[in-house]
């Protein structure tokens, strides 16, 4: 009985630790003459940012810092696409449909990404 209680307590502690809140600041710059929509997708659970079908829209060549609240250890990837033409995309694209190289980071305590340059 005691062994079961100890194991249950350890399992509960692991769940609590794995679900600790983290944050990320993504730095993204779009070098495209068209507006570019951006969203972020968890690779560990069904979650996306900003969520509810919304996106961040970049309309200039400036670096934009987009902040997310996430779960420590969660792998998050960016997806970006030309507004109105999601066949032109960066990262995992619209709705997390594609594979990517170097477009994902792990959530932690105040993680800041390097600048992701989206070239035309």
PDB file of N, CA and C in Angstrom:
ATOM      1  N   UNK A   1       0.827  -1.198   0.000  1.00  0.00           N
ATOM      2  CA  UNK A   1       0.000   0.000   0.000  1.00  0.00           C
ATOM      3  C   UNK A   1       0.868   1.257   0.000  1.00  0.00           C
ATOM      4  N   UNK A   2       1.882   1.268   0.849  1.00  0.00           N
ATOM      5  CA  UNK A   2       2.772   2.419   0.933  1.00  0.00           C
ATOM      6  C   UNK A   2       3.498   2.630  -0.397  1.00  0.00           C
ATOM      7  N   UNK A   3       3.897   1.536  -1.035  1.00  0.00           N
ATOM      8  CA  UNK A   3       4.582   1.623  -2.327  1.00  0.00           C
ATOM      9  C   UNK A   3       3.681   2.293  -3.368  1.00  0.00           C
ATOM     10  N   UNK A   4       2.382   1.942  -3.379  1.00  0.00           N
ATOM     11  CA  UNK A   4       1.439   2.561  -4.318  1.00  0.00           C
ATOM     12  C   UNK A   4       1.297   4.051  -4.059  1.00  0.00           C
ATOM     13  N   UNK A   5       1.223   4.432  -2.792  1.00  0.00           N
ATOM     14  CA  UNK A   5       1.098   5.853  -2.443  1.00  0.00           C
ATOM     15  C   UNK A   5       2.326   6.639  -2.889  1.00  0.00           C
ATOM     16  N   UNK A   6       3.505   6.057  -2.680  1.00  0.00           N
ATOM     17  CA  UNK A   6       4.747   6.732  -3.097  1.00  0.00           C
ATOM     18  C   UNK A   6       4.776   6.881  -4.612  1.00  0.00           C
ATOM     19  N   UNK A   7       4.424   5.826  -5.335  1.00  0.00           N
ATOM     20  CA  UNK A   7       4.407   5.891  -6.797  1.00  0.00           C
ATOM     21  C   UNK A   7       3.388   6.909  -7.291  1.00  0.00           C
ATOM     22  N   UNK A   8       2.219   6.963  -6.680  1.00  0.00           N
ATOM     23  CA  UNK A   8       1.199   7.940  -7.070  1.00  0.00           C
ATOM     24  C   UNK A   8       1.683   9.358  -6.816  1.00  0.00           C
ATOM     25  N   UNK A   9       2.355   9.572  -5.691  1.00  0.00           N
ATOM     26  CA  UNK A   9       2.888  10.906  -5.368  1.00  0.00           C
ATOM     27  C   UNK A   9       3.968  11.306  -6.373  1.00  0.00           C
ATOM     28  N   UNK A  10       4.828  10.363  -6.733  1.00  0.00           N
ATOM     29  CA  UNK A  10       5.874  10.654  -7.720  1.00  0.00           C
ATOM     30  C   UNK A  10       5.266  10.978  -9.077  1.00  0.00           C
ATOM     31  N   UNK A  11       4.267  10.237  -9.488  1.00  0.00           N
ATOM     32  CA  UNK A  11       3.600  10.496 -10.774  1.00  0.00           C
ATOM     33  C   UNK A  11       2.962  11.876 -10.769  1.00  0.00           C
ATOM     34  N   UNK A  12       2.306  12.248  -9.688  1.00  0.00           N
ATOM     35  CA  UNK A  12       1.680  13.560  -9.577  1.00  0.00           C
ATOM     36  C   UNK A  12       2.729  14.665  -9.630  1.00  0.00           C
ATOM     37  N   UNK A  13       3.855  14.461  -8.971  1.00  0.00           N
ATOM     38  CA  UNK A  13       4.937  15.460  -8.995  1.00  0.00           C
ATOM     39  C   UNK A  13       5.474  15.627 -10.403  1.00  0.00           C
ATOM     40  N   UNK A  14       5.620  14.535 -11.134  1.00  0.00           N
ATOM     41  CA  UNK A  14       6.119  14.624 -12.517  1.00  0.00           C
ATOM     42  C   UNK A  14       5.145  15.384 -13.400  1.00  0.00           C
ATOM     43  N   UNK A  15       3.848  15.138 -13.257  1.00  0.00           N
ATOM     44  CA  UNK A  15       2.849  15.848 -14.045  1.00  0.00           C
ATOM     45  C   UNK A  15       2.899  17.329 -13.726  1.00  0.00           C
ATOM     46  N   UNK A  16       3.006  17.674 -12.449  1.00  0.00           N
ATOM     47  CA  UNK A  16       3.056  19.087 -12.053  1.00  0.00           C
ATOM     48  C   UNK A  16       4.277  19.772 -12.634  1.00  0.00           C
ATOM     49  N   UNK A  17       5.425  19.104 -12.588  1.00  0.00           N
ATOM     50  CA  UNK A  17       6.646  19.710 -13.121  1.00  0.00           C
ATOM     51  C   UNK A  17       6.574  19.875 -14.627  1.00  0.00           C
ATOM     52  N   UNK A  18       6.013  18.879 -15.331  1.00  0.00           N
ATOM     53  CA  UNK A  18       5.995  18.952 -16.788  1.00  0.00           C
ATOM     54  C   UNK A  18       5.009  19.989 -17.298  1.00  0.00           C
ATOM     55  N   UNK A  19       4.053  20.384 -16.482  1.00  0.00           N
ATOM     56  CA  UNK A  19       3.042  21.338 -16.928  1.00  0.00           C
ATOM     57  C   UNK A  19       3.337  22.753 -16.446  1.00  0.00           C
ATOM     58  N   UNK A  20       4.558  23.019 -16.049  1.00  0.00           N
ATOM     59  CA  UNK A  20       4.898  24.360 -15.593  1.00  0.00           C
ATOM     60  C   UNK A  20       4.868  25.333 -16.763  1.00  0.00           C
ATOM     61  N   UNK A  21       4.371  26.506 -16.472  1.00  0.00           N
ATOM     62  CA  UNK A  21       4.245  27.535 -17.510  1.00  0.00           C
ATOM     63  C   UNK A  21       5.610  28.069 -17.908  1.00  0.00           C
ATOM     64  N   UNK A  22       5.759  28.274 -19.196  1.00  0.00           N
ATOM     65  CA  UNK A  22       6.950  28.887 -19.745  1.00  0.00           C
ATOM     66  C   UNK A  22       6.526  30.014 -20.669  1.00  0.00           C
ATOM     67  N   UNK A  23       7.497  30.628 -21.306  1.00  0.00           N
ATOM     68  CA  UNK A  23       7.181  31.692 -22.256  1.00  0.00           C
ATOM     69  C   UNK A  23       8.249  31.737 -23.339  1.00  0.00           C
ATOM     70  N   UNK A  24       7.817  32.237 -24.480  1.00  0.00           N
ATOM     71  CA  UNK A  24       8.729  32.375 -25.621  1.00  0.00           C
ATOM     72  C   UNK A  24       8.483  33.712 -26.287  1.00  0.00           C
ATOM     73  N   UNK A  25       9.555  34.300 -26.767  1.00  0.00           N
ATOM     74  CA  UNK A  25       9.473  35.498 -27.602  1.00  0.00           C
ATOM     75  C   UNK A  25      10.095  35.139 -28.938  1.00  0.00           C
ATOM     76  N   UNK A  26       9.273  35.142 -29.971  1.00  0.00           N
ATOM     77  CA  UNK A  26       9.719  34.827 -31.328  1.00  0.00           C
ATOM     78  C   UNK A  26      10.003  36.132 -32.059  1.00  0.00           C
ATOM     79  N   UNK A  27      11.168  36.222 -32.671  1.00  0.00           N
ATOM     80  CA  UNK A  27      11.547  37.391 -33.461  1.00  0.00           C
ATOM     81  C   UNK A  27      11.456  37.025 -34.932  1.00  0.00           C
ATOM     82  N   UNK A  28      10.542  37.685 -35.639  1.00  0.00           N
ATOM     83  CA  UNK A  28      10.269  37.330 -37.042  1.00  0.00           C
ATOM     84  C   UNK A  28      10.263  38.586 -37.900  1.00  0.00           C
ATOM     85  N   UNK A  29      10.888  38.476 -39.068  1.00  0.00           N
ATOM     86  CA  UNK A  29      10.906  39.578 -40.045  1.00  0.00           C
ATOM     87  C   UNK A  29      10.547  39.002 -41.404  1.00  0.00           C
ATOM     88  N   UNK A  30       9.594  39.645 -42.067  1.00  0.00           N
ATOM     89  CA  UNK A  30       9.153  39.186 -43.390  1.00  0.00           C
ATOM     90  C   UNK A  30       9.693  40.119 -44.468  1.00  0.00           C
ATOM     91  N   UNK A  31      10.470  39.550 -45.391  1.00  0.00           N
ATOM     92  CA  UNK A  31      10.970  40.293 -46.544  1.00  0.00           C
ATOM     93  C   UNK A  31      10.118  39.934 -47.761  1.00  0.00           C
ATOM     94  N   UNK A  32       8.856  40.209 -47.674  1.00  0.00           N
ATOM     95  CA  UNK A  32       7.954  39.909 -48.783  1.00  0.00           C
ATOM     96  C   UNK A  32       7.123  41.157 -49.057  1.00  0.00           C
ATOM     97  N   UNK A  33       6.856  41.421 -50.311  1.00  0.00           N
ATOM     98  CA  UNK A  33       6.102  42.639 -50.639  1.00  0.00           C
ATOM     99  C   UNK A  33       4.627  42.504 -50.266  1.00  0.00           C
ATOM    100  N   UNK A  34       4.186  41.280 -49.995  1.00  0.00           N
ATOM    101  CA  UNK A  34       2.800  41.030 -49.596  1.00  0.00           C
ATOM    102  C   UNK A  34       2.720  40.879 -48.074  1.00  0.00           C
ATOM    103  N   UNK A  35       1.534  41.041 -47.529  1.00  0.00           N
ATOM    104  CA  UNK A  35       1.320  40.784 -46.106  1.00  0.00           C
ATOM    105  C   UNK A  35       1.555  39.301 -45.831  1.00  0.00           C
ATOM    106  N   UNK A  36       2.171  39.015 -44.695  1.00  0.00           N
ATOM    107  CA  UNK A  36       2.483  37.649 -44.300  1.00  0.00           C
ATOM    108  C   UNK A  36       1.772  37.347 -42.978  1.00  0.00           C
ATOM    109  N   UNK A  37       1.042  36.240 -42.939  1.00  0.00           N
ATOM    110  CA  UNK A  37       0.371  35.805 -41.713  1.00  0.00           C
ATOM    111  C   UNK A  37       1.254  34.789 -40.997  1.00  0.00           C
ATOM    112  N   UNK A  38       1.247  34.848 -39.667  1.00  0.00           N
ATOM    113  CA  UNK A  38       2.094  33.983 -38.843  1.00  0.00           C
ATOM    114  C   UNK A  38       1.255  33.372 -37.723  1.00  0.00           C
ATOM    115  N   UNK A  39       1.487  32.088 -37.467  1.00  0.00           N
ATOM    116  CA  UNK A  39       0.897  31.395 -36.319  1.00  0.00           C
ATOM    117  C   UNK A  39       1.941  30.412 -35.797  1.00  0.00           C
ATOM    118  N   UNK A  40       1.717  29.914 -34.601  1.00  0.00           N
ATOM    119  CA  UNK A  40       2.640  28.972 -33.969  1.00  0.00           C
ATOM    120  C   UNK A  40       1.867  27.730 -33.569  1.00  0.00           C
ATOM    121  N   UNK A  41       2.546  26.572 -33.675  1.00  0.00           N
ATOM    122  CA  UNK A  41       1.875  25.289 -33.457  1.00  0.00           C
ATOM    123  C   UNK A  41       2.697  24.404 -32.533  1.00  0.00           C
ATOM    124  N   UNK A  42       2.032  23.892 -31.493  1.00  0.00           N
ATOM    125  CA  UNK A  42       2.672  22.919 -30.615  1.00  0.00           C
ATOM    126  C   UNK A  42       2.814  21.608 -31.367  1.00  0.00           C
ATOM    127  N   UNK A  43       3.931  20.927 -31.155  1.00  0.00           N
ATOM    128  CA  UNK A  43       4.148  19.618 -31.754  1.00  0.00           C
ATOM    129  C   UNK A  43       3.858  18.512 -30.747  1.00  0.00           C
ATOM    130  N   UNK A  44       3.503  18.902 -29.492  1.00  0.00           N
ATOM    131  CA  UNK A  44       3.261  17.944 -28.424  1.00  0.00           C
ATOM    132  C   UNK A  44       1.790  17.803 -28.046  1.00  0.00           C
ATOM    133  N   UNK A  45       0.985  18.767 -28.424  1.00  0.00           N
ATOM    134  CA  UNK A  45      -0.433  18.745 -28.079  1.00  0.00           C
ATOM    135  C   UNK A  45      -1.184  19.583 -29.109  1.00  0.00           C
ATOM    136  N   UNK A  46      -2.483  19.575 -29.032  1.00  0.00           N
ATOM    137  CA  UNK A  46      -3.279  20.357 -29.987  1.00  0.00           C
ATOM    138  C   UNK A  46      -3.412  21.776 -29.447  1.00  0.00           C
ATOM    139  N   UNK A  47      -2.456  22.610 -29.785  1.00  0.00           N
ATOM    140  CA  UNK A  47      -2.475  24.009 -29.351  1.00  0.00           C
ATOM    141  C   UNK A  47      -1.827  24.853 -30.434  1.00  0.00           C
ATOM    142  N   UNK A  48      -2.348  26.055 -30.598  1.00  0.00           N
ATOM    143  CA  UNK A  48      -1.758  27.001 -31.545  1.00  0.00           C
ATOM    144  C   UNK A  48      -1.915  28.413 -30.996  1.00  0.00           C
ATOM    145  N   UNK A  49      -1.070  29.290 -31.481  1.00  0.00           N
ATOM    146  CA  UNK A  49      -1.068  30.689 -31.046  1.00  0.00           C
ATOM    147  C   UNK A  49      -1.161  31.585 -32.271  1.00  0.00           C
ATOM    148  N   UNK A  50      -1.862  32.693 -32.285  1.00  0.00           N
ATOM    149  CA  UNK A  50      -2.612  33.214 -31.145  1.00  0.00           C
ATOM    150  C   UNK A  50      -3.886  32.437 -30.848  1.00  0.00           C
ATOM    151  N   UNK A  51      -4.324  31.534 -31.701  1.00  0.00           N
ATOM    152  CA  UNK A  51      -5.460  30.669 -31.425  1.00  0.00           C
ATOM    153  C   UNK A  51      -6.783  31.220 -31.940  1.00  0.00           C
ATOM    154  N   UNK A  52      -7.800  30.377 -31.874  1.00  0.00           N
ATOM    155  CA  UNK A  52      -9.156  30.738 -32.310  1.00  0.00           C
ATOM    156  C   UNK A  52      -9.207  31.250 -33.748  1.00  0.00           C
ATOM    157  N   UNK A  53      -8.384  30.672 -34.633  1.00  0.00           N
ATOM    158  CA  UNK A  53      -8.399  31.064 -36.040  1.00  0.00           C
ATOM    159  C   UNK A  53      -7.734  32.400 -36.335  1.00  0.00           C
ATOM    160  N   UNK A  54      -7.122  33.006 -35.322  1.00  0.00           N
ATOM    161  CA  UNK A  54      -6.460  34.301 -35.531  1.00  0.00           C
ATOM    162  C   UNK A  54      -5.001  34.099 -35.917  1.00  0.00           C
ATOM    163  N   UNK A  55      -4.386  35.136 -36.468  1.00  0.00           N
ATOM    164  CA  UNK A  55      -2.973  35.135 -36.855  1.00  0.00           C
ATOM    165  C   UNK A  55      -2.381  36.495 -36.530  1.00  0.00           C
ATOM    166  N   UNK A  56      -1.062  36.556 -36.526  1.00  0.00           N
ATOM    167  CA  UNK A  56      -0.374  37.837 -36.523  1.00  0.00           C
ATOM    168  C   UNK A  56      -0.088  38.161 -37.982  1.00  0.00           C
ATOM    169  N   UNK A  57      -0.268  39.402 -38.386  1.00  0.00           N
ATOM    170  CA  UNK A  57      -0.015  39.803 -39.766  1.00  0.00           C
ATOM    171  C   UNK A  57       1.142  40.790 -39.794  1.00  0.00           C
ATOM    172  N   UNK A  58       2.146  40.472 -40.614  1.00  0.00           N
ATOM    173  CA  UNK A  58       3.314  41.338 -40.782  1.00  0.00           C
ATOM    174  C   UNK A  58       3.178  42.061 -42.121  1.00  0.00           C
ATOM    175  N   UNK A  59       3.267  43.386 -42.080  1.00  0.00           N
ATOM    176  CA  UNK A  59       3.076  44.181 -43.304  1.00  0.00           C
ATOM    177  C   UNK A  59       4.260  45.070 -43.614  1.00  0.00           C
ATOM    178  N   UNK A  60       5.373  44.839 -42.942  1.00  0.00           N
ATOM    179  CA  UNK A  60       6.556  45.662 -43.183  1.00  0.00           C
ATOM    180  C   UNK A  60       7.802  44.786 -43.047  1.00  0.00           C
ATOM    181  N   UNK A  61       8.960  45.393 -43.159  1.00  0.00           N
ATOM    182  CA  UNK A  61      10.213  44.644 -43.108  1.00  0.00           C
ATOM    183  C   UNK A  61      10.874  44.719 -41.738  1.00  0.00           C
ATOM    184  N   UNK A  62      10.137  45.127 -40.721  1.00  0.00           N
ATOM    185  CA  UNK A  62      10.688  45.263 -39.376  1.00  0.00           C
ATOM    186  C   UNK A  62      10.666  43.924 -38.646  1.00  0.00           C
ATOM    187  N   UNK A  63      11.536  43.814 -37.632  1.00  0.00           N
ATOM    188  CA  UNK A  63      11.507  42.640 -36.763  1.00  0.00           C
ATOM    189  C   UNK A  63      10.329  42.793 -35.805  1.00  0.00           C
ATOM    190  N   UNK A  64       9.494  41.777 -35.745  1.00  0.00           N
ATOM    191  CA  UNK A  64       8.352  41.763 -34.837  1.00  0.00           C
ATOM    192  C   UNK A  64       8.610  40.708 -33.765  1.00  0.00           C
ATOM    193  N   UNK A  65       8.409  41.073 -32.507  1.00  0.00           N
ATOM    194  CA  UNK A  65       8.552  40.132 -31.406  1.00  0.00           C
ATOM    195  C   UNK A  65       7.160  39.676 -30.993  1.00  0.00           C
ATOM    196  N   UNK A  66       6.910  38.379 -31.141  1.00  0.00           N
ATOM    197  CA  UNK A  66       5.603  37.785 -30.846  1.00  0.00           C
ATOM    198  C   UNK A  66       5.768  36.888 -29.625  1.00  0.00           C
ATOM    199  N   UNK A  67       4.990  37.152 -28.589  1.00  0.00           N
ATOM    200  CA  UNK A  67       5.153  36.456 -27.310  1.00  0.00           C
ATOM    201  C   UNK A  67       4.080  35.393 -27.107  1.00  0.00           C
ATOM    202  N   UNK A  68       4.531  34.227 -26.604  1.00  0.00           N
ATOM    203  CA  UNK A  68       3.643  33.101 -26.343  1.00  0.00           C
ATOM    204  C   UNK A  68       3.787  32.643 -24.896  1.00  0.00           C
ATOM    205  N   UNK A  69       2.701  32.210 -24.312  1.00  0.00           N
ATOM    206  CA  UNK A  69       2.738  31.460 -23.058  1.00  0.00           C
ATOM    207  C   UNK A  69       2.611  30.005 -23.455  1.00  0.00           C
ATOM    208  N   UNK A  70       3.465  29.151 -22.906  1.00  0.00           N
ATOM    209  CA  UNK A  70       3.503  27.758 -23.323  1.00  0.00           C
ATOM    210  C   UNK A  70       3.881  26.888 -22.132  1.00  0.00           C
ATOM    211  N   UNK A  71       4.039  25.605 -22.358  1.00  0.00           N
ATOM    212  CA  UNK A  71       4.407  24.659 -21.309  1.00  0.00           C
ATOM    213  C   UNK A  71       5.883  24.315 -21.463  1.00  0.00           C
ATOM    214  N   UNK A  72       6.644  24.419 -20.378  1.00  0.00           N
ATOM    215  CA  UNK A  72       8.073  24.094 -20.425  1.00  0.00           C
ATOM    216  C   UNK A  72       8.291  22.724 -21.064  1.00  0.00           C
ATOM    217  N   UNK A  73       9.229  22.663 -21.999  1.00  0.00           N
ATOM    218  CA  UNK A  73       9.561  21.418 -22.680  1.00  0.00           C
ATOM    219  C   UNK A  73       8.765  21.165 -23.951  1.00  0.00           C
ATOM    220  N   UNK A  74       7.773  21.982 -24.205  1.00  0.00           N
ATOM    221  CA  UNK A  74       6.917  21.820 -25.385  1.00  0.00           C
ATOM    222  C   UNK A  74       7.657  22.312 -26.634  1.00  0.00           C
ATOM    223  N   UNK A  75       7.594  21.533 -27.698  1.00  0.00           N
ATOM    224  CA  UNK A  75       8.204  21.919 -28.975  1.00  0.00           C
ATOM    225  C   UNK A  75       7.194  22.737 -29.774  1.00  0.00           C
ATOM    226  N   UNK A  76       7.595  23.952 -30.155  1.00  0.00           N
ATOM    227  CA  UNK A  76       6.700  24.851 -30.895  1.00  0.00           C
ATOM    228  C   UNK A  76       7.376  25.272 -32.192  1.00  0.00           C
ATOM    229  N   UNK A  77       6.605  25.236 -33.285  1.00  0.00           N
ATOM    230  CA  UNK A  77       7.118  25.617 -34.603  1.00  0.00           C
ATOM    231  C   UNK A  77       6.304  26.792 -35.140  1.00  0.00           C
ATOM    232  N   UNK A  78       6.982  27.635 -35.924  1.00  0.00           N
ATOM    233  CA  UNK A  78       6.232  28.721 -36.554  1.00  0.00           C
ATOM    234  C   UNK A  78       5.762  28.279 -37.926  1.00  0.00           C
ATOM    235  N   UNK A  79       4.641  28.845 -38.328  1.00  0.00           N
ATOM    236  CA  UNK A  79       4.142  28.686 -39.681  1.00  0.00           C
ATOM    237  C   UNK A  79       3.806  30.070 -40.200  1.00  0.00           C
ATOM    238  N   UNK A  80       4.238  30.373 -41.400  1.00  0.00           N
ATOM    239  CA  UNK A  80       3.952  31.679 -42.002  1.00  0.00           C
ATOM    240  C   UNK A  80       3.606  31.451 -43.464  1.00  0.00           C
ATOM    241  N   UNK A  81       2.772  32.329 -44.001  1.00  0.00           N
ATOM    242  CA  UNK A  81       2.343  32.200 -45.390  1.00  0.00           C
ATOM    243  C   UNK A  81       1.910  33.563 -45.890  1.00  0.00           C
ATOM    244  N   UNK A  82       1.961  33.723 -47.205  1.00  0.00           N
ATOM    245  CA  UNK A  82       1.499  34.966 -47.813  1.00  0.00           C
ATOM    246  C   UNK A  82      -0.013  35.020 -47.659  1.00  0.00           C
ATOM    247  N   UNK A  83      -0.503  36.129 -47.171  1.00  0.00           N
ATOM    248  CA  UNK A  83      -1.956  36.279 -46.974  1.00  0.00           C
ATOM    249  C   UNK A  83      -2.669  36.010 -48.289  1.00  0.00           C
ATOM    250  N   UNK A  84      -3.633  35.089 -48.258  1.00  0.00           N
ATOM    251  CA  UNK A  84      -4.409  34.762 -49.445  1.00  0.00           C
ATOM    252  C   UNK A  84      -3.769  33.721 -50.346  1.00  0.00           C
ATOM    253  N   UNK A  85      -2.561  33.252 -50.004  1.00  0.00           N
ATOM    254  CA  UNK A  85      -1.877  32.257 -50.835  1.00  0.00           C
ATOM    255  C   UNK A  85      -1.025  31.369 -49.932  1.00  0.00           C
ATOM    256  N   UNK A  86      -1.648  30.392 -49.278  1.00  0.00           N
ATOM    257  CA  UNK A  86      -0.879  29.575 -48.342  1.00  0.00           C
ATOM    258  C   UNK A  86       0.007  28.536 -49.027  1.00  0.00           C
ATOM    259  N   UNK A  87       0.080  28.573 -50.366  1.00  0.00           N
ATOM    260  CA  UNK A  87       1.050  27.726 -51.073  1.00  0.00           C
ATOM    261  C   UNK A  87       2.450  28.339 -51.010  1.00  0.00           C
ATOM    262  N   UNK A  88       2.524  29.632 -50.700  1.00  0.00           N
ATOM    263  CA  UNK A  88       3.817  30.306 -50.456  1.00  0.00           C
ATOM    264  C   UNK A  88       3.965  30.416 -48.953  1.00  0.00           C
ATOM    265  N   UNK A  89       4.816  29.568 -48.383  1.00  0.00           N
ATOM    266  CA  UNK A  89       4.907  29.489 -46.931  1.00  0.00           C
ATOM    267  C   UNK A  89       6.346  29.359 -46.453  1.00  0.00           C
ATOM    268  N   UNK A  90       6.495  29.545 -45.140  1.00  0.00           N
ATOM    269  CA  UNK A  90       7.760  29.357 -44.430  1.00  0.00           C
ATOM    270  C   UNK A  90       7.458  28.506 -43.207  1.00  0.00           C
ATOM    271  N   UNK A  91       8.481  27.844 -42.686  1.00  0.00           N
ATOM    272  CA  UNK A  91       8.278  26.994 -41.516  1.00  0.00           C
ATOM    273  C   UNK A  91       7.312  25.873 -41.836  1.00  0.00           C
ATOM    274  N   UNK A  92       6.377  25.619 -40.931  1.00  0.00           N
ATOM    275  CA  UNK A  92       5.400  24.546 -41.138  1.00  0.00           C
ATOM    276  C   UNK A  92       4.185  25.006 -41.926  1.00  0.00           C
ATOM    277  N   UNK A  93       4.156  26.287 -42.301  1.00  0.00           N
ATOM    278  CA  UNK A  93       3.058  26.801 -43.115  1.00  0.00           C
ATOM    279  C   UNK A  93       1.746  26.902 -42.357  1.00  0.00           C
ATOM    280  N   UNK A  94       0.694  27.123 -43.134  1.00  0.00           N
ATOM    281  CA  UNK A  94      -0.649  27.303 -42.588  1.00  0.00           C
ATOM    282  C   UNK A  94      -1.185  25.976 -42.043  1.00  0.00           C
ATOM    283  N   UNK A  95      -1.750  25.985 -40.874  1.00  0.00           N
ATOM    284  CA  UNK A  95      -2.326  24.807 -40.207  1.00  0.00           C
ATOM    285  C   UNK A  95      -1.308  23.708 -39.932  1.00  0.00           C
ATOM    286  N   UNK A  96      -0.007  24.068 -39.829  1.00  0.00           N
ATOM    287  CA  UNK A  96       1.010  23.085 -39.425  1.00  0.00           C
ATOM    288  C   UNK A  96       1.087  21.913 -40.407  1.00  0.00           C
ATOM    289  N   UNK A  97       0.910  22.180 -41.711  1.00  0.00           N
ATOM    290  CA  UNK A  97       0.793  21.127 -42.728  1.00  0.00           C
ATOM    291  C   UNK A  97       2.119  20.579 -43.246  1.00  0.00           C
ATOM    292  N   UNK A  98       3.211  21.303 -43.052  1.00  0.00           N
ATOM    293  CA  UNK A  98       4.466  20.950 -43.715  1.00  0.00           C
ATOM    294  C   UNK A  98       5.568  20.629 -42.707  1.00  0.00           C
ATOM    295  N   UNK A  99       6.621  20.037 -43.216  1.00  0.00           N
ATOM    296  CA  UNK A  99       7.820  19.780 -42.413  1.00  0.00           C
ATOM    297  C   UNK A  99       8.741  20.979 -42.581  1.00  0.00           C
ATOM    298  N   UNK A 100       9.631  21.153 -41.630  1.00  0.00           N
ATOM    299  CA  UNK A 100      10.536  22.291 -41.733  1.00  0.00           C
ATOM    300  C   UNK A 100      11.894  21.951 -41.131  1.00  0.00           C
ATOM    301  N   UNK A 101      12.855  22.791 -41.426  1.00  0.00           N
ATOM    302  CA  UNK A 101      14.189  22.699 -40.853  1.00  0.00           C
ATOM    303  C   UNK A 101      14.440  24.003 -40.107  1.00  0.00           C
ATOM    304  N   UNK A 102      14.825  23.917 -38.873  1.00  0.00           N
ATOM    305  CA  UNK A 102      15.181  25.082 -38.057  1.00  0.00           C
ATOM    306  C   UNK A 102      14.023  26.065 -37.859  1.00  0.00           C
ATOM    307  N   UNK A 103      12.805  25.555 -37.731  1.00  0.00           N
ATOM    308  CA  UNK A 103      11.675  26.461 -37.479  1.00  0.00           C
ATOM    309  C   UNK A 103      11.005  26.165 -36.148  1.00  0.00           C
ATOM    310  N   UNK A 104      11.611  25.292 -35.334  1.00  0.00           N
ATOM    311  CA  UNK A 104      11.012  24.903 -34.053  1.00  0.00           C
ATOM    312  C   UNK A 104      11.983  25.168 -32.905  1.00  0.00           C
ATOM    313  N   UNK A 105      11.410  25.524 -31.767  1.00  0.00           N
ATOM    314  CA  UNK A 105      12.186  25.729 -30.545  1.00  0.00           C
ATOM    315  C   UNK A 105      11.415  25.127 -29.381  1.00  0.00           C
ATOM    316  N   UNK A 106      12.124  24.893 -28.291  1.00  0.00           N
ATOM    317  CA  UNK A 106      11.513  24.312 -27.105  1.00  0.00           C
ATOM    318  C   UNK A 106      11.171  25.400 -26.105  1.00  0.00           C
ATOM    319  N   UNK A 107       9.944  25.371 -25.623  1.00  0.00           N
ATOM    320  CA  UNK A 107       9.475  26.336 -24.637  1.00  0.00           C
ATOM    321  C   UNK A 107      10.249  26.169 -23.331  1.00  0.00           C
ATOM    322  N   UNK A 108      10.494  27.281 -22.683  1.00  0.00           N
ATOM    323  CA  UNK A 108      11.184  27.275 -21.392  1.00  0.00           C
ATOM    324  C   UNK A 108      10.895  28.569 -20.665  1.00  0.00           C
ATOM    325  N   UNK A 109      11.768  28.911 -19.750  1.00  0.00           N
ATOM    326  CA  UNK A 109      11.620  30.155 -19.001  1.00  0.00           C
ATOM    327  C   UNK A 109      12.190  31.302 -19.819  1.00  0.00           C
ATOM    328  N   UNK A 110      11.331  32.117 -20.384  1.00  0.00           N
ATOM    329  CA  UNK A 110      11.718  33.307 -21.145  1.00  0.00           C
ATOM    330  C   UNK A 110      12.648  33.002 -22.313  1.00  0.00           C
ATOM    331  N   UNK A 111      12.314  32.014 -23.122  1.00  0.00           N
ATOM    332  CA  UNK A 111      13.095  31.671 -24.317  1.00  0.00           C
ATOM    333  C   UNK A 111      12.938  32.786 -25.346  1.00  0.00           C
ATOM    334  N   UNK A 112      14.050  33.214 -25.937  1.00  0.00           N
ATOM    335  CA  UNK A 112      14.031  34.219 -27.005  1.00  0.00           C
ATOM    336  C   UNK A 112      14.693  33.603 -28.227  1.00  0.00           C
ATOM    337  N   UNK A 113      13.986  33.589 -29.343  1.00  0.00           N
ATOM    338  CA  UNK A 113      14.530  32.985 -30.556  1.00  0.00           C
ATOM    339  C   UNK A 113      15.421  33.984 -31.287  1.00  0.00           C
ATOM    340  N   UNK A 114      16.321  33.472 -32.123  1.00  0.00           N
ATOM    341  CA  UNK A 114      17.016  34.376 -33.042  1.00  0.00           C
ATOM    342  C   UNK A 114      15.999  34.934 -34.035  1.00  0.00           C
ATOM    343  N   UNK A 115      16.400  35.882 -34.847  1.00  0.00           N
ATOM    344  CA  UNK A 115      15.495  36.459 -35.842  1.00  0.00           C
ATOM    345  C   UNK A 115      15.247  35.431 -36.943  1.00  0.00           C
ATOM    346  N   UNK A 116      13.981  35.132 -37.188  1.00  0.00           N
ATOM    347  CA  UNK A 116      13.575  34.258 -38.283  1.00  0.00           C
ATOM    348  C   UNK A 116      13.298  35.172 -39.477  1.00  0.00           C
ATOM    349  N   UNK A 117      14.159  35.131 -40.497  1.00  0.00           N
ATOM    350  CA  UNK A 117      13.979  35.957 -41.684  1.00  0.00           C
ATOM    351  C   UNK A 117      13.187  35.196 -42.734  1.00  0.00           C
ATOM    352  N   UNK A 118      12.025  35.701 -43.075  1.00  0.00           N
ATOM    353  CA  UNK A 118      11.177  35.096 -44.095  1.00  0.00           C
ATOM    354  C   UNK A 118      11.456  35.830 -45.400  1.00  0.00           C
ATOM    355  N   UNK A 119      12.224  35.196 -46.263  1.00  0.00           N
ATOM    356  CA  UNK A 119      12.625  35.833 -47.511  1.00  0.00           C
ATOM    357  C   UNK A 119      11.598  35.627 -48.603  1.00  0.00           C
ATOM    358  N   UNK A 120      11.496  36.638 -49.494  1.00  0.00           N
ATOM    359  CA  UNK A 120      10.559  36.588 -50.609  1.00  0.00           C
ATOM    360  C   UNK A 120      10.936  35.476 -51.565  1.00  0.00           C
TER     361      UNK A 120
END
